[in-house]
Protein backbone atom coordinates (compact mmCIF):
# COMPACT_ATOMS: atom_id res chain seq x y z
CA MET A 1 -65.53 38.66 -30.39
CA ASN A 2 -65.22 37.28 -26.82
CA ILE A 3 -62.52 39.33 -25.00
CA ARG A 4 -62.98 37.68 -21.61
CA PRO A 5 -60.17 35.07 -22.12
CA LEU A 6 -57.86 37.80 -23.32
CA LEU A 7 -58.47 39.89 -20.21
CA ILE A 8 -57.87 36.90 -17.96
CA GLY A 9 -54.57 36.20 -19.74
CA LEU A 10 -53.40 39.75 -19.32
CA LEU A 11 -54.16 39.57 -15.59
CA VAL A 12 -52.26 36.30 -15.12
CA LEU A 13 -49.21 37.29 -17.18
CA PRO A 14 -47.66 39.70 -14.60
CA LEU A 15 -47.99 37.07 -11.88
CA VAL A 16 -46.13 34.47 -13.93
CA SER A 17 -43.50 37.01 -15.00
CA SER A 18 -42.94 38.02 -11.36
CA CYS A 19 -42.30 34.39 -10.29
CA VAL A 20 -39.88 33.79 -13.12
CA THR A 21 -38.00 37.05 -12.43
CA ARG A 22 -37.71 36.25 -8.74
CA ARG A 23 -36.40 32.73 -9.45
CA LEU A 24 -33.94 34.09 -12.02
CA TYR A 25 -32.76 36.69 -9.52
CA ASN A 26 -32.18 34.03 -6.84
CA ASP A 27 -30.23 31.85 -9.29
CA LEU A 28 -28.07 34.74 -10.45
CA ASP A 29 -27.46 35.83 -6.86
CA ALA A 30 -26.32 32.32 -5.92
CA GLN A 31 -24.00 32.25 -8.93
CA TYR A 32 -22.63 35.66 -8.02
CA GLN A 33 -21.88 34.59 -4.43
CA SER A 34 -20.14 31.45 -5.74
CA ILE A 35 -18.02 33.47 -8.14
CA LEU A 36 -17.08 35.94 -5.38
CA SER A 37 -15.84 33.00 -3.34
CA GLU A 38 -13.95 31.65 -6.34
CA ASN A 39 -12.39 35.07 -6.93
CA ASP A 40 -11.20 35.19 -3.29
CA ASN A 41 -9.61 31.76 -3.71
CA LEU A 42 -7.92 32.79 -6.95
CA THR A 43 -6.67 36.00 -5.34
CA ASN A 44 -5.11 33.92 -2.53
CA GLU A 45 -3.53 31.62 -5.14
CA LEU A 46 -2.15 34.68 -6.93
CA ALA A 47 -0.58 35.89 -3.69
CA LEU A 48 1.00 32.47 -3.18
CA MET A 49 2.21 32.45 -6.81
CA ASN A 50 3.73 35.93 -6.44
CA SER A 51 5.43 34.79 -3.24
CA SER A 52 6.68 31.65 -5.01
CA ASN A 53 7.93 33.72 -7.96
CA SER A 54 9.75 36.09 -5.56
CA GLU A 55 11.32 33.11 -3.78
CA LEU A 56 12.57 31.75 -7.13
CA GLU A 57 14.13 35.13 -7.97
CA ASN A 58 15.74 35.30 -4.51
CA ILE A 59 17.08 31.76 -4.91
CA LYS A 60 18.64 32.68 -8.24
CA LYS A 61 20.21 35.84 -6.77
CA ASP A 62 21.51 33.92 -3.77
CA LEU A 63 22.90 31.22 -6.06
CA ALA A 64 24.72 33.75 -8.22
CA LYS A 65 26.11 35.46 -5.12
CA GLN A 66 27.27 32.20 -3.52
CA LEU A 67 28.73 30.98 -6.80
CA LYS A 68 30.75 34.18 -7.08
CA GLN A 69 31.89 33.81 -3.48
CA LEU A 70 32.90 30.18 -4.02
CA GLN A 71 34.86 31.09 -7.14
CA GLN A 72 36.71 33.81 -5.20
CA GLU A 73 37.39 31.39 -2.35
CA ARG A 74 38.75 28.86 -4.82
CA LYS A 75 41.02 31.52 -6.32
CA ASN A 76 42.20 32.59 -2.88
CA LEU A 77 42.85 29.02 -1.81
CA ALA A 78 44.77 28.27 -4.99
CA ALA A 79 46.97 31.32 -4.38
CA GLU A 80 47.42 30.34 -0.76
CA ILE A 81 48.41 26.78 -1.73
CA ALA A 82 50.92 28.04 -4.28
CA THR A 83 52.48 30.32 -1.67
CA ALA A 84 52.56 27.57 0.95
CA GLU A 85 54.17 25.10 -1.47
CA LYS A 86 56.84 27.64 -2.38
CA GLN A 87 57.50 28.39 1.29
CA LEU A 88 57.75 24.70 2.04
CA LEU A 89 60.21 24.16 -0.80
CA ASP A 90 62.30 27.14 0.32
CA LEU A 91 62.40 25.80 3.86
CA GLU A 92 63.57 22.41 2.67
CA LYS A 93 66.27 23.86 0.42
CA SER A 94 67.59 26.55 2.75
CA ASN A 95 68.33 24.43 5.73
CA LYS A 96 68.00 20.66 5.80
CA GLU A 97 69.40 20.66 9.29
CA LEU A 98 66.68 23.02 10.47
CA ALA A 99 64.10 20.81 8.79
CA ARG A 100 65.39 17.80 10.75
CA THR A 101 65.23 19.66 14.06
CA ASN A 102 61.88 21.21 13.32
CA LYS A 103 59.89 18.24 12.04
CA GLU A 104 56.94 19.17 14.15
CA ALA A 105 56.62 22.60 12.51
CA LEU A 106 56.93 21.06 9.06
CA ALA A 107 54.34 18.43 9.93
CA ILE A 108 51.90 21.14 11.04
CA GLU A 109 52.48 23.10 7.86
CA ALA A 110 52.07 19.97 5.75
CA GLU A 111 48.83 19.13 7.54
CA ARG A 112 47.51 22.64 6.99
CA LEU A 113 48.47 22.41 3.34
CA SER A 114 46.69 19.07 3.05
CA ARG A 115 43.54 20.47 4.59
CA ALA A 116 43.64 23.47 2.25
CA LYS A 117 43.96 21.18 -0.77
CA SER A 118 41.07 19.05 0.46
CA GLU A 119 38.90 22.13 1.02
CA LEU A 120 39.79 23.45 -2.42
CA ALA A 121 38.92 20.12 -4.02
CA ASP A 122 35.58 19.98 -2.20
CA LYS A 123 34.62 23.54 -3.13
CA SER A 124 35.74 22.99 -6.70
CA LEU A 125 33.56 19.89 -6.91
CA ARG A 126 30.51 21.74 -5.60
CA ILE A 127 31.11 24.66 -7.96
CA ALA A 128 31.40 22.24 -10.85
CA GLU A 129 28.17 20.52 -9.83
CA LEU A 130 26.31 23.82 -9.54
CA GLU A 131 27.66 25.02 -12.87
CA ALA A 132 26.65 21.71 -14.48
CA ILE A 133 23.11 21.96 -13.09
CA LEU A 134 22.75 25.56 -14.25
CA GLU A 135 24.06 24.65 -17.69
CA ALA A 136 21.71 21.66 -17.87
CA ASN A 137 18.77 23.89 -16.92
CA ASP A 138 19.73 26.45 -19.56
CA LYS A 139 20.11 23.71 -22.16
CA GLN A 140 16.76 22.23 -21.18
CA MET A 141 15.02 25.60 -21.48
CA ARG A 142 16.70 26.33 -24.82
CA ALA A 143 15.47 23.00 -26.13
CA LEU A 144 12.00 23.71 -24.75
CA LYS A 145 11.94 27.11 -26.48
CA ASP A 146 13.02 25.51 -29.77
CA ASN A 147 10.32 22.83 -29.47
CA LEU A 148 7.69 25.47 -28.72
CA SER A 149 8.84 27.59 -31.66
CA THR A 150 8.48 24.57 -33.96
CA ALA A 151 5.09 23.53 -32.57
CA LEU A 152 3.66 27.07 -32.59
CA ASN A 153 5.32 28.31 -35.75
CA ALA A 154 1.97 28.66 -37.55
CA PHE A 155 0.78 31.15 -34.92
CA GLU A 156 3.86 33.38 -34.63
CA GLY A 157 3.09 36.75 -36.16
CA LYS A 158 -0.55 36.39 -35.12
CA GLY A 159 -0.03 37.73 -31.62
CA LEU A 160 2.07 34.84 -30.28
CA THR A 161 5.69 35.31 -29.19
CA ILE A 162 8.18 33.03 -27.43
CA LYS A 163 11.26 34.20 -25.55
CA GLN A 164 13.75 32.90 -22.99
CA LYS A 165 14.72 35.19 -20.10
CA ASN A 166 16.16 34.75 -16.60
CA GLY A 167 16.22 30.96 -16.89
CA ARG A 168 12.54 30.79 -17.91
CA VAL A 169 10.61 30.52 -21.17
CA TYR A 170 7.72 32.94 -21.76
CA VAL A 171 4.93 32.21 -24.24
CA SER A 172 2.83 35.34 -24.78
CA MET A 173 -0.50 35.19 -26.63
CA GLU A 174 -2.33 38.42 -27.36
CA ASN A 175 -6.11 38.52 -27.01
CA LYS A 176 -6.56 38.95 -30.76
CA LEU A 177 -5.42 35.33 -31.10
CA LEU A 178 -7.56 34.02 -28.24
CA PHE A 179 -10.59 36.08 -27.22
CA LYS A 180 -13.15 38.54 -28.46
CA SER A 181 -13.47 41.80 -26.54
CA GLY A 182 -15.02 41.28 -23.12
CA SER A 183 -15.07 37.50 -23.57
CA TRP A 184 -13.18 34.60 -21.99
CA SER A 185 -14.34 32.04 -24.54
CA VAL A 186 -11.31 30.91 -26.60
CA ASN A 187 -11.84 31.07 -30.36
CA LYS A 188 -11.00 28.17 -32.68
CA GLU A 189 -7.58 29.37 -33.83
CA GLY A 190 -6.58 30.26 -30.29
CA GLU A 191 -7.67 26.82 -29.08
CA LEU A 192 -5.51 25.17 -31.74
CA ALA A 193 -2.50 27.15 -30.50
CA VAL A 194 -3.13 26.20 -26.86
CA VAL A 195 -3.59 22.52 -27.79
CA GLU A 196 -0.22 22.52 -29.56
CA LEU A 197 1.30 24.18 -26.50
CA SER A 198 -0.17 21.47 -24.24
CA LYS A 199 1.46 18.74 -26.38
CA VAL A 200 4.92 20.24 -25.77
CA LEU A 201 4.20 20.66 -22.05
CA ALA A 202 3.08 17.03 -21.80
CA ASN A 203 6.53 16.00 -23.08
CA ASN A 204 8.21 18.09 -20.35
CA PRO A 205 6.61 16.90 -17.10
CA GLN A 206 9.39 18.37 -14.95
CA ILE A 207 8.51 21.94 -15.99
CA THR A 208 6.25 24.08 -13.79
CA VAL A 209 3.68 26.18 -15.65
CA LEU A 210 2.24 29.53 -14.56
CA ILE A 211 -0.65 30.89 -16.67
CA GLU A 212 -1.33 34.60 -16.18
CA GLY A 213 -4.25 36.60 -17.54
CA HIS A 214 -3.62 40.31 -18.28
CA THR A 215 -5.88 43.16 -19.39
CA ASP A 216 -5.51 46.79 -20.41
CA ASN A 217 -6.82 49.53 -18.11
CA ASP A 218 -10.22 49.88 -19.78
CA LYS A 219 -12.89 49.31 -17.18
CA VAL A 220 -15.47 46.55 -17.56
CA LEU A 221 -18.75 48.14 -18.62
CA GLY A 222 -22.06 46.44 -17.92
CA ASP A 223 -22.59 42.84 -16.91
CA LEU A 224 -20.48 40.37 -18.88
CA GLY A 225 -22.11 37.44 -17.10
CA GLU A 226 -20.95 34.90 -14.52
CA GLY A 227 -20.28 37.66 -12.03
CA VAL A 228 -17.50 39.33 -14.04
CA LYS A 229 -17.49 42.91 -12.79
CA ASN A 230 -13.89 44.10 -13.27
CA ASN A 231 -10.56 43.35 -14.89
CA TRP A 232 -9.51 41.08 -12.01
CA ASP A 233 -12.49 38.85 -12.76
CA LEU A 234 -11.95 38.99 -16.52
CA SER A 235 -8.20 38.25 -16.42
CA THR A 236 -8.80 35.32 -14.05
CA LYS A 237 -11.55 33.89 -16.24
CA ARG A 238 -9.29 34.04 -19.27
CA ALA A 239 -6.42 32.34 -17.45
CA LEU A 240 -8.76 29.57 -16.31
CA ALA A 241 -10.05 29.13 -19.86
CA ILE A 242 -6.48 28.41 -21.00
CA VAL A 243 -5.97 26.02 -18.06
CA ALA A 244 -9.10 24.10 -19.10
CA ILE A 245 -7.75 23.53 -22.61
CA ILE A 246 -4.26 22.53 -21.43
CA THR A 247 -5.47 20.14 -18.72
CA ALA A 248 -7.81 18.47 -21.19
CA ASN A 249 -4.61 16.76 -22.36
CA GLN A 250 -4.52 13.57 -20.29
CA ASP A 251 -0.70 13.56 -20.22
CA ILE A 252 -0.48 16.92 -18.41
CA ILE A 253 0.47 16.76 -14.71
CA LYS A 254 -2.12 19.09 -13.22
CA SER A 255 -0.09 19.74 -10.06
CA ASN A 256 2.46 21.55 -12.27
CA ILE A 257 -0.16 24.12 -13.36
CA THR A 258 -0.92 27.43 -11.62
CA ALA A 259 -3.43 30.03 -12.89
CA ALA A 260 -3.57 33.69 -11.94
CA GLY A 261 -5.35 36.89 -12.97
CA ARG A 262 -3.05 39.95 -13.02
CA SER A 263 -5.74 42.43 -14.17
CA GLU A 264 -4.23 45.64 -15.63
CA TYR A 265 -1.29 45.86 -13.22
CA ALA A 266 1.53 44.22 -15.22
CA PRO A 267 1.46 46.06 -18.57
CA LEU A 268 4.06 45.55 -21.27
CA MET A 269 3.48 48.97 -22.81
CA SER A 270 1.72 52.22 -22.05
CA ASN A 271 -2.08 52.04 -22.09
CA ASP A 272 -2.15 55.56 -23.51
CA ILE A 273 -1.93 54.28 -27.09
CA PRO A 274 -4.03 51.62 -28.88
CA GLU A 275 -0.96 49.55 -29.73
CA GLY A 276 -0.01 49.45 -26.05
CA LYS A 277 -3.48 48.36 -25.00
CA ALA A 278 -3.41 45.56 -27.59
CA LYS A 279 -0.06 44.30 -26.28
CA ASN A 280 -1.24 44.43 -22.67
CA ARG A 281 -4.35 42.30 -23.35
CA ARG A 282 -2.68 38.90 -23.29
CA ILE A 283 -2.10 35.50 -21.72
CA GLU A 284 1.42 34.82 -20.41
CA VAL A 285 2.50 31.19 -20.02
CA ILE A 286 5.66 31.15 -17.88
CA LEU A 287 7.69 27.94 -17.85
CA THR A 288 10.23 27.31 -15.08
CA PRO A 289 12.66 24.39 -14.59
CA ASN A 290 12.66 22.34 -11.39
CA LEU A 291 14.93 24.04 -8.83
CA ASP A 292 14.73 21.41 -6.08
CA LYS A 293 18.23 20.06 -6.73
CA ILE A 294 19.77 23.53 -6.71
CA ASN A 295 18.00 24.36 -3.44
CA SER A 296 19.31 21.13 -1.91
CA MET A 297 22.90 21.95 -2.88
CA LEU A 298 22.61 25.50 -1.56
CA ASN A 299 21.47 24.12 1.79
CA GLN A 300 24.61 21.94 1.94
CA LEU A 301 27.04 24.81 1.36
């Protein structure tokens, strides 16, 4: 048996393996650097989203405060008008002669009364407009919740819940419906649920959509691929996977969509028990009505 070719092959094999390993290393390093940059961008977007969410909460608080103030002002003005009208009537009845000699004082009082009525009417109109907008928003979000419940009925009880809170609608999907452990690839049943969700969103183009990825506090062990090293990376990847499915619907307005990774820092339950960990591993889709008109009216008050 001639072993010379075999010896030559054994000598060449490490050289070839070294070239391939070096090329693979360079490719992986380039991918890692790209993903680090993407993670920085997503972190900045998350900061902007958190700021935007805080601004929305502040707007709502300011609106409630101003609405309460306007209602009190309307009540005070109504009481003031009633008192002024009674005083005017008493003046007219008690002394017609005095009224004739004091026309100027009566004219001033009548003018003041007229201004008060006009101010009351204006404030009442604005209060009514604000109340109508708030009611319309609540009605819109109730209808949206009902439509989502109908569209996603087949998935409720499988880790999907829908609720309305603080003027928003929250669609929560646990990882058991969407992902395998350590993965951001959406399974078939989870994809069906997200597709049905996208159909409802496409019919509500005025709604803004925030998609948040959440994890438990278990640390990422080993290399999951694509530069995923921690729960920030994993939660962001999962949020982006949901965005990809939703935006595949051609009727979705992409500018309405925001994605964010929240890592382990917004748990629903304690991570000390398995049930809590399961609840915390989830995707939250947060739907918010357009508040531009409310902001405009607040600026005019």
